[in-house]
Amino acid sequence: MEGQGSAGNVLAALCSFFIPGLGQLLQGRLLLAAVQFVAAAVLWIIWLGWIIHLWSVLDAAFFKPPVP
């Protein structure tokens, strides 16, 4: 069972650490990945991108896929 602490979530969190939204993209959540990537890029201009960056990492790490 995939869930919090799974290898997939750890990999996704590491990917999001380097590029916000990349972990969500690996998890198949395309819209959220795009939102986080664009928001981080825009907010890094005024030095608040770390907030989105942190949200991206935590969201990827704690993601639980829906149960069919």
N, C-alpha and C. Protein backbone atom coordinates (compact mmCIF):
# COMPACT_ATOMS: atom_id res chain seq x y z
N MET A 1 0.85 -1.19 0.00
CA MET A 1 0.00 0.00 0.00
C MET A 1 0.88 1.24 0.00
N GLU A 2 0.64 2.11 -0.95
CA GLU A 2 1.38 3.36 -1.03
C GLU A 2 0.76 4.38 -0.08
N GLY A 3 1.56 5.21 0.49
CA GLY A 3 1.07 6.23 1.38
C GLY A 3 2.22 6.99 1.99
N GLN A 4 1.95 7.69 3.05
CA GLN A 4 2.95 8.50 3.71
C GLN A 4 4.15 7.63 4.09
N GLY A 5 5.33 8.09 3.75
CA GLY A 5 6.55 7.37 4.07
C GLY A 5 6.95 6.34 3.04
N SER A 6 6.14 6.15 2.00
CA SER A 6 6.49 5.19 0.97
C SER A 6 7.67 5.71 0.16
N ALA A 7 8.34 4.81 -0.53
CA ALA A 7 9.50 5.20 -1.34
C ALA A 7 9.11 6.21 -2.41
N GLY A 8 7.90 6.05 -2.98
CA GLY A 8 7.44 6.99 -3.99
C GLY A 8 7.28 8.40 -3.45
N ASN A 9 6.77 8.50 -2.23
CA ASN A 9 6.59 9.83 -1.63
C ASN A 9 7.93 10.45 -1.26
N VAL A 10 8.87 9.64 -0.82
CA VAL A 10 10.20 10.17 -0.48
C VAL A 10 10.87 10.70 -1.75
N LEU A 11 10.78 9.94 -2.83
CA LEU A 11 11.35 10.39 -4.10
C LEU A 11 10.66 11.67 -4.59
N ALA A 12 9.34 11.71 -4.47
CA ALA A 12 8.60 12.90 -4.89
C ALA A 12 8.99 14.11 -4.05
N ALA A 13 9.15 13.92 -2.75
CA ALA A 13 9.55 15.03 -1.88
C ALA A 13 10.94 15.54 -2.24
N LEU A 14 11.85 14.62 -2.53
CA LEU A 14 13.20 15.03 -2.95
C LEU A 14 13.17 15.80 -4.26
N CYS A 15 12.35 15.35 -5.19
CA CYS A 15 12.22 16.06 -6.47
C CYS A 15 11.65 17.46 -6.26
N SER A 16 10.66 17.57 -5.39
CA SER A 16 10.06 18.89 -5.11
C SER A 16 11.02 19.79 -4.35
N PHE A 17 11.96 19.20 -3.63
CA PHE A 17 12.96 20.00 -2.93
C PHE A 17 13.81 20.77 -3.93
N PHE A 18 14.13 20.12 -5.05
CA PHE A 18 14.97 20.77 -6.05
C PHE A 18 14.18 21.63 -7.02
N ILE A 19 12.99 21.17 -7.42
CA ILE A 19 12.14 21.94 -8.33
C ILE A 19 10.70 21.85 -7.82
N PRO A 20 10.15 22.94 -7.30
CA PRO A 20 8.78 22.90 -6.77
C PRO A 20 7.80 22.39 -7.82
N GLY A 21 6.99 21.43 -7.42
CA GLY A 21 5.98 20.88 -8.32
C GLY A 21 6.42 19.61 -9.03
N LEU A 22 7.72 19.33 -9.08
CA LEU A 22 8.20 18.15 -9.78
C LEU A 22 7.72 16.86 -9.09
N GLY A 23 7.67 16.86 -7.78
CA GLY A 23 7.18 15.69 -7.06
C GLY A 23 5.72 15.43 -7.34
N GLN A 24 4.92 16.48 -7.41
CA GLN A 24 3.51 16.32 -7.73
C GLN A 24 3.35 15.82 -9.17
N LEU A 25 4.22 16.27 -10.05
CA LEU A 25 4.19 15.79 -11.43
C LEU A 25 4.48 14.29 -11.48
N LEU A 26 5.44 13.84 -10.70
CA LEU A 26 5.75 12.40 -10.64
C LEU A 26 4.59 11.60 -10.07
N GLN A 27 3.80 12.22 -9.20
CA GLN A 27 2.65 11.55 -8.60
C GLN A 27 1.42 11.62 -9.50
N GLY A 28 1.53 12.29 -10.63
CA GLY A 28 0.42 12.37 -11.58
C GLY A 28 -0.55 13.50 -11.31
N ARG A 29 -0.19 14.46 -10.47
CA ARG A 29 -1.07 15.60 -10.17
C ARG A 29 -0.59 16.81 -10.96
N LEU A 30 -0.98 16.84 -12.22
CA LEU A 30 -0.46 17.83 -13.17
C LEU A 30 -0.85 19.26 -12.83
N LEU A 31 -2.12 19.49 -12.49
CA LEU A 31 -2.57 20.86 -12.21
C LEU A 31 -1.86 21.43 -10.98
N LEU A 32 -1.79 20.66 -9.91
CA LEU A 32 -1.12 21.13 -8.70
C LEU A 32 0.36 21.37 -8.96
N ALA A 33 0.98 20.51 -9.77
CA ALA A 33 2.39 20.69 -10.11
C ALA A 33 2.61 22.03 -10.82
N ALA A 34 1.74 22.33 -11.77
CA ALA A 34 1.87 23.59 -12.52
C ALA A 34 1.65 24.79 -11.60
N VAL A 35 0.65 24.70 -10.73
CA VAL A 35 0.37 25.80 -9.80
C VAL A 35 1.56 26.05 -8.89
N GLN A 36 2.12 25.00 -8.32
CA GLN A 36 3.24 25.18 -7.40
C GLN A 36 4.48 25.70 -8.12
N PHE A 37 4.74 25.22 -9.32
CA PHE A 37 5.91 25.67 -10.06
C PHE A 37 5.80 27.15 -10.40
N VAL A 38 4.65 27.56 -10.93
CA VAL A 38 4.46 28.96 -11.32
C VAL A 38 4.44 29.87 -10.09
N ALA A 39 3.75 29.44 -9.04
CA ALA A 39 3.68 30.27 -7.82
C ALA A 39 5.07 30.45 -7.21
N ALA A 40 5.85 29.39 -7.17
CA ALA A 40 7.20 29.51 -6.62
C ALA A 40 8.06 30.44 -7.47
N ALA A 41 7.95 30.30 -8.79
CA ALA A 41 8.74 31.16 -9.67
C ALA A 41 8.38 32.63 -9.49
N VAL A 42 7.09 32.92 -9.38
CA VAL A 42 6.64 34.31 -9.21
C VAL A 42 7.05 34.84 -7.84
N LEU A 43 6.88 34.04 -6.80
CA LEU A 43 7.17 34.52 -5.45
C LEU A 43 8.66 34.59 -5.14
N TRP A 44 9.51 33.84 -5.87
CA TRP A 44 10.94 33.97 -5.62
C TRP A 44 11.44 35.35 -6.03
N ILE A 45 10.69 36.02 -6.87
CA ILE A 45 11.07 37.38 -7.27
C ILE A 45 11.09 38.30 -6.05
N ILE A 46 10.16 38.08 -5.11
CA ILE A 46 10.11 38.93 -3.91
C ILE A 46 10.55 38.15 -2.67
N TRP A 47 11.34 37.10 -2.85
CA TRP A 47 11.94 36.30 -1.78
C TRP A 47 10.94 35.57 -0.90
N LEU A 48 9.72 35.32 -1.39
CA LEU A 48 8.76 34.53 -0.62
C LEU A 48 8.52 33.16 -1.25
N GLY A 49 9.33 32.82 -2.24
CA GLY A 49 9.18 31.54 -2.92
C GLY A 49 9.44 30.36 -2.01
N TRP A 50 10.19 30.56 -0.94
CA TRP A 50 10.48 29.47 -0.02
C TRP A 50 9.20 28.91 0.61
N ILE A 51 8.17 29.74 0.72
CA ILE A 51 6.90 29.27 1.29
C ILE A 51 6.28 28.22 0.36
N ILE A 52 6.20 28.51 -0.92
CA ILE A 52 5.66 27.57 -1.89
C ILE A 52 6.58 26.36 -2.02
N HIS A 53 7.87 26.60 -1.98
CA HIS A 53 8.85 25.52 -2.07
C HIS A 53 8.64 24.53 -0.92
N LEU A 54 8.48 25.02 0.28
CA LEU A 54 8.25 24.16 1.45
C LEU A 54 6.92 23.44 1.33
N TRP A 55 5.88 24.14 0.89
CA TRP A 55 4.56 23.52 0.70
C TRP A 55 4.66 22.38 -0.31
N SER A 56 5.40 22.59 -1.37
CA SER A 56 5.56 21.57 -2.41
C SER A 56 6.21 20.31 -1.86
N VAL A 57 7.27 20.46 -1.08
CA VAL A 57 7.97 19.31 -0.50
C VAL A 57 7.06 18.56 0.46
N LEU A 58 6.40 19.28 1.37
CA LEU A 58 5.53 18.63 2.36
C LEU A 58 4.33 17.97 1.70
N ASP A 59 3.76 18.61 0.71
CA ASP A 59 2.60 18.04 0.02
C ASP A 59 2.97 16.73 -0.67
N ALA A 60 4.14 16.69 -1.30
CA ALA A 60 4.58 15.46 -1.97
C ALA A 60 4.88 14.37 -0.96
N ALA A 61 5.45 14.73 0.17
CA ALA A 61 5.81 13.74 1.18
C ALA A 61 4.60 13.12 1.86
N PHE A 62 3.56 13.88 2.08
CA PHE A 62 2.39 13.40 2.83
C PHE A 62 1.21 13.01 1.95
N PHE A 63 1.40 12.94 0.63
CA PHE A 63 0.34 12.59 -0.30
C PHE A 63 -0.12 11.14 -0.10
N LYS A 64 -1.42 10.97 -0.04
CA LYS A 64 -2.03 9.64 0.03
C LYS A 64 -2.94 9.49 -1.18
N PRO A 65 -2.62 8.55 -2.08
CA PRO A 65 -3.45 8.40 -3.26
C PRO A 65 -4.85 7.94 -2.88
N PRO A 66 -5.84 8.33 -3.67
CA PRO A 66 -7.21 7.92 -3.37
C PRO A 66 -7.37 6.40 -3.49
N VAL A 67 -8.16 5.84 -2.60
CA VAL A 67 -8.41 4.41 -2.61
C VAL A 67 -9.55 4.12 -3.59
N PRO A 68 -9.31 3.20 -4.57
CA PRO A 68 -10.35 2.93 -5.58
C PRO A 68 -11.52 2.19 -5.00
